Amino acid sequence: MFGRLRLADFLPADDVTRIESWEYLDRSWCGEANGFTEWLCLESDPHTLRSAAVDLVALSAPAGVAMLAALRLPLRPGMTAREVTAVLGPPKATRTYVSDRTTYEFRTGSPDAYEVSCTVRHDDGLTYVTVHPVPLPR
């Protein structure tokens, strides 16, 4: 299911930008974007979604909620770190890149494993989510 999802299924076509030769995670990607919301396929397999990033601040609330539901993530915009970890379990890593937010990295799913990264602003809660299967093919 994950591999067949497309950003254009959630946003008007005029709001989606096609991207190519996007460097991320030491790989070259193509796909669709709307600001920092990026749905990516490996250039070596351009028809299978392998990475999804959802900017819950920039998207409309209904679009963000619909994307999280399609990604089968029981998350919602604005969740606290405690609420996120109650749903996804303890993070495998915690990173602070900017002083007003923390990014929590999780490994979920079995037998199909996914890495889920959740950025939680201290004042606004969950604002950004990325997900991709692990291991990623080359």
C-alpha atoms as a PDB file:
ATOM      1  CA  MET A   1       0.000   0.000   0.000  1.00  0.00           C
ATOM      2  CA  PHE A   2       2.728   2.506   1.014  1.00  0.00           C
ATOM      3  CA  GLY A   3       4.553   2.154  -2.296  1.00  0.00           C
ATOM      4  CA  ARG A   4       1.497   3.150  -4.348  1.00  0.00           C
ATOM      5  CA  LEU A   5       0.633   6.349  -2.474  1.00  0.00           C
ATOM      6  CA  ARG A   6       1.062   9.658  -4.299  1.00  0.00           C
ATOM      7  CA  LEU A   7       1.054  13.211  -2.970  1.00  0.00           C
ATOM      8  CA  ALA A   8      -1.223  14.222  -5.837  1.00  0.00           C
ATOM      9  CA  ASP A   9      -3.929  12.041  -4.257  1.00  0.00           C
ATOM     10  CA  PHE A  10      -4.157  14.530  -1.367  1.00  0.00           C
ATOM     11  CA  LEU A  11      -3.485  17.948  -2.898  1.00  0.00           C
ATOM     12  CA  PRO A  12      -4.691  19.816  -5.989  1.00  0.00           C
ATOM     13  CA  ALA A  13      -2.465  19.134  -8.995  1.00  0.00           C
ATOM     14  CA  ASP A  14      -1.479  22.810  -9.202  1.00  0.00           C
ATOM     15  CA  ASP A  15      -0.064  22.600  -5.658  1.00  0.00           C
ATOM     16  CA  VAL A  16       2.253  19.666  -6.424  1.00  0.00           C
ATOM     17  CA  THR A  17       5.720  20.161  -7.911  1.00  0.00           C
ATOM     18  CA  ARG A  18       7.536  17.338  -9.680  1.00  0.00           C
ATOM     19  CA  ILE A  19      11.116  16.891  -8.450  1.00  0.00           C
ATOM     20  CA  GLU A  20      14.057  14.978  -9.910  1.00  0.00           C
ATOM     21  CA  SER A  21      17.654  14.284  -8.915  1.00  0.00           C
ATOM     22  CA  TRP A  22      16.875  15.002  -5.257  1.00  0.00           C
ATOM     23  CA  GLU A  23      19.708  13.903  -2.953  1.00  0.00           C
ATOM     24  CA  TYR A  24      18.564  12.410   0.363  1.00  0.00           C
ATOM     25  CA  LEU A  25      19.831   9.548   2.535  1.00  0.00           C
ATOM     26  CA  ASP A  26      22.782   9.008   0.178  1.00  0.00           C
ATOM     27  CA  ARG A  27      20.466   8.213  -2.714  1.00  0.00           C
ATOM     28  CA  SER A  28      19.031   9.960  -5.752  1.00  0.00           C
ATOM     29  CA  TRP A  29      15.252  10.468  -5.739  1.00  0.00           C
ATOM     30  CA  CYS A  30      12.387  11.722  -7.859  1.00  0.00           C
ATOM     31  CA  GLY A  31       8.852  12.448  -6.803  1.00  0.00           C
ATOM     32  CA  GLU A  32       6.402  15.110  -5.716  1.00  0.00           C
ATOM     33  CA  ALA A  33       6.645  18.048  -3.348  1.00  0.00           C
ATOM     34  CA  ASN A  34       4.637  20.830  -1.807  1.00  0.00           C
ATOM     35  CA  GLY A  35       7.057  22.926   0.209  1.00  0.00           C
ATOM     36  CA  PHE A  36       8.674  20.610   2.762  1.00  0.00           C
ATOM     37  CA  THR A  37       6.079  17.899   2.159  1.00  0.00           C
ATOM     38  CA  GLU A  38       7.933  15.504  -0.121  1.00  0.00           C
ATOM     39  CA  TRP A  39       6.874  12.091  -1.395  1.00  0.00           C
ATOM     40  CA  LEU A  40       9.854  10.393  -3.011  1.00  0.00           C
ATOM     41  CA  CYS A  41      10.657   7.400  -5.187  1.00  0.00           C
ATOM     42  CA  LEU A  42      14.174   6.184  -5.877  1.00  0.00           C
ATOM     43  CA  GLU A  43      15.295   7.208  -9.352  1.00  0.00           C
ATOM     44  CA  SER A  44      16.143   3.537  -9.900  1.00  0.00           C
ATOM     45  CA  ASP A  45      12.484   2.637  -9.139  1.00  0.00           C
ATOM     46  CA  PRO A  46      10.417   5.733 -10.009  1.00  0.00           C
ATOM     47  CA  HIS A  47       7.024   4.067  -9.552  1.00  0.00           C
ATOM     48  CA  THR A  48       7.344   2.979  -5.909  1.00  0.00           C
ATOM     49  CA  LEU A  49       7.045   5.438  -3.027  1.00  0.00           C
ATOM     50  CA  ARG A  50       9.942   4.908  -0.618  1.00  0.00           C
ATOM     51  CA  SER A  51       9.901   8.075   1.502  1.00  0.00           C
ATOM     52  CA  ALA A  52       7.171  10.433   2.655  1.00  0.00           C
ATOM     53  CA  ALA A  53       7.614  13.690   4.569  1.00  0.00           C
ATOM     54  CA  VAL A  54       4.570  15.548   5.875  1.00  0.00           C
ATOM     55  CA  ASP A  55       4.787  19.195   6.965  1.00  0.00           C
ATOM     56  CA  LEU A  56       1.803  19.447   9.296  1.00  0.00           C
ATOM     57  CA  VAL A  57       2.245  23.212   9.722  1.00  0.00           C
ATOM     58  CA  ALA A  58       2.140  24.171   6.053  1.00  0.00           C
ATOM     59  CA  LEU A  59      -0.606  21.753   4.975  1.00  0.00           C
ATOM     60  CA  SER A  60      -4.264  22.227   5.688  1.00  0.00           C
ATOM     61  CA  ALA A  61      -5.352  20.232   8.741  1.00  0.00           C
ATOM     62  CA  PRO A  62      -7.597  17.908   6.668  1.00  0.00           C
ATOM     63  CA  ALA A  63      -4.785  17.166   4.179  1.00  0.00           C
ATOM     64  CA  GLY A  64      -2.263  16.444   6.947  1.00  0.00           C
ATOM     65  CA  VAL A  65      -4.670  14.189   8.821  1.00  0.00           C
ATOM     66  CA  ALA A  66      -5.583  12.341   5.606  1.00  0.00           C
ATOM     67  CA  MET A  67      -1.907  11.783   4.762  1.00  0.00           C
ATOM     68  CA  LEU A  68      -1.121  10.411   8.225  1.00  0.00           C
ATOM     69  CA  ALA A  69      -4.126   8.072   7.967  1.00  0.00           C
ATOM     70  CA  ALA A  70      -3.038   6.865   4.507  1.00  0.00           C
ATOM     71  CA  LEU A  71       0.454   6.243   5.876  1.00  0.00           C
ATOM     72  CA  ARG A  72      -1.233   4.229   8.661  1.00  0.00           C
ATOM     73  CA  LEU A  73       0.309   6.379  11.350  1.00  0.00           C
ATOM     74  CA  PRO A  74      -1.943   6.867  14.398  1.00  0.00           C
ATOM     75  CA  LEU A  75      -0.675  10.425  14.819  1.00  0.00           C
ATOM     76  CA  ARG A  76      -2.281  13.851  14.620  1.00  0.00           C
ATOM     77  CA  PRO A  77      -0.966  17.393  14.338  1.00  0.00           C
ATOM     78  CA  GLY A  78      -0.073  18.999  17.650  1.00  0.00           C
ATOM     79  CA  MET A  79       0.551  15.803  19.642  1.00  0.00           C
ATOM     80  CA  THR A  80       2.973  16.211  22.533  1.00  0.00           C
ATOM     81  CA  ALA A  81       6.171  14.166  22.729  1.00  0.00           C
ATOM     82  CA  ARG A  82       4.549  12.096  25.465  1.00  0.00           C
ATOM     83  CA  GLU A  83       1.532  11.359  23.247  1.00  0.00           C
ATOM     84  CA  VAL A  84       3.748  10.416  20.289  1.00  0.00           C
ATOM     85  CA  THR A  85       5.848   8.012  22.372  1.00  0.00           C
ATOM     86  CA  ALA A  86       2.689   6.539  23.922  1.00  0.00           C
ATOM     87  CA  VAL A  87       1.620   5.582  20.381  1.00  0.00           C
ATOM     88  CA  LEU A  88       4.967   4.633  18.786  1.00  0.00           C
ATOM     89  CA  GLY A  89       6.887   3.426  21.838  1.00  0.00           C
ATOM     90  CA  PRO A  90      10.303   4.565  22.989  1.00  0.00           C
ATOM     91  CA  PRO A  91      12.360   6.309  20.309  1.00  0.00           C
ATOM     92  CA  LYS A  92      15.539   4.680  19.022  1.00  0.00           C
ATOM     93  CA  ALA A  93      17.114   8.152  18.875  1.00  0.00           C
ATOM     94  CA  THR A  94      16.336  11.697  19.949  1.00  0.00           C
ATOM     95  CA  ARG A  95      17.891  14.680  18.183  1.00  0.00           C
ATOM     96  CA  THR A  96      17.763  18.426  18.743  1.00  0.00           C
ATOM     97  CA  TYR A  97      18.680  20.462  15.669  1.00  0.00           C
ATOM     98  CA  VAL A  98      16.866  23.656  16.709  1.00  0.00           C
ATOM     99  CA  SER A  99      16.313  24.743  20.321  1.00  0.00           C
ATOM    100  CA  ASP A 100      12.511  24.966  20.119  1.00  0.00           C
ATOM    101  CA  ARG A 101      11.886  21.393  18.908  1.00  0.00           C
ATOM    102  CA  THR A 102      13.043  17.811  19.244  1.00  0.00           C
ATOM    103  CA  THR A 103      13.034  15.053  16.624  1.00  0.00           C
ATOM    104  CA  TYR A 104      12.225  11.525  17.776  1.00  0.00           C
ATOM    105  CA  GLU A 105      13.199   8.575  15.583  1.00  0.00           C
ATOM    106  CA  PHE A 106      11.292   5.298  15.794  1.00  0.00           C
ATOM    107  CA  ARG A 107      11.422   1.883  14.162  1.00  0.00           C
ATOM    108  CA  THR A 108       7.948   0.448  13.673  1.00  0.00           C
ATOM    109  CA  GLY A 109       6.257  -2.491  12.018  1.00  0.00           C
ATOM    110  CA  SER A 110       6.859  -6.159  11.699  1.00  0.00           C
ATOM    111  CA  PRO A 111       7.606  -7.921   9.440  1.00  0.00           C
ATOM    112  CA  ASP A 112       7.757  -4.748   7.304  1.00  0.00           C
ATOM    113  CA  ALA A 113       9.884  -2.240   9.213  1.00  0.00           C
ATOM    114  CA  TYR A 114       9.644   1.506   8.799  1.00  0.00           C
ATOM    115  CA  GLU A 115      11.663   4.357  10.215  1.00  0.00           C
ATOM    116  CA  VAL A 116       9.388   7.124  11.438  1.00  0.00           C
ATOM    117  CA  SER A 117      10.763  10.499  12.458  1.00  0.00           C
ATOM    118  CA  CYS A 118       8.548  12.920  14.383  1.00  0.00           C
ATOM    119  CA  THR A 119       9.506  16.533  15.007  1.00  0.00           C
ATOM    120  CA  VAL A 120       7.729  17.988  18.028  1.00  0.00           C
ATOM    121  CA  ARG A 121       7.878  21.701  18.752  1.00  0.00           C
ATOM    122  CA  HIS A 122       7.918  22.420  22.461  1.00  0.00           C
ATOM    123  CA  ASP A 123       5.012  24.894  22.146  1.00  0.00           C
ATOM    124  CA  ASP A 124       3.049  23.543  19.169  1.00  0.00           C
ATOM    125  CA  GLY A 125       3.444  19.769  19.378  1.00  0.00           C
ATOM    126  CA  LEU A 126       3.897  17.445  16.393  1.00  0.00           C
ATOM    127  CA  THR A 127       4.695  19.452  13.266  1.00  0.00           C
ATOM    128  CA  TYR A 128       6.673  17.226  10.881  1.00  0.00           C
ATOM    129  CA  VAL A 129       6.737  13.497  10.129  1.00  0.00           C
ATOM    130  CA  THR A 130       8.910  11.415   7.809  1.00  0.00           C
ATOM    131  CA  VAL A 131       8.551   7.717   7.073  1.00  0.00           C
ATOM    132  CA  HIS A 132      10.443   5.243   4.927  1.00  0.00           C
ATOM    133  CA  PRO A 133      10.878   1.479   4.864  1.00  0.00           C
ATOM    134  CA  VAL A 134      14.074  -0.054   6.200  1.00  0.00           C
ATOM    135  CA  PRO A 135      16.323  -1.133   4.809  1.00  0.00           C
ATOM    136  CA  LEU A 136      16.059   1.184   1.825  1.00  0.00           C
ATOM    137  CA  PRO A 137      17.095  -0.399  -1.452  1.00  0.00           C
ATOM    138  CA  ARG A 138      19.878   1.256  -3.445  1.00  0.00           C
END
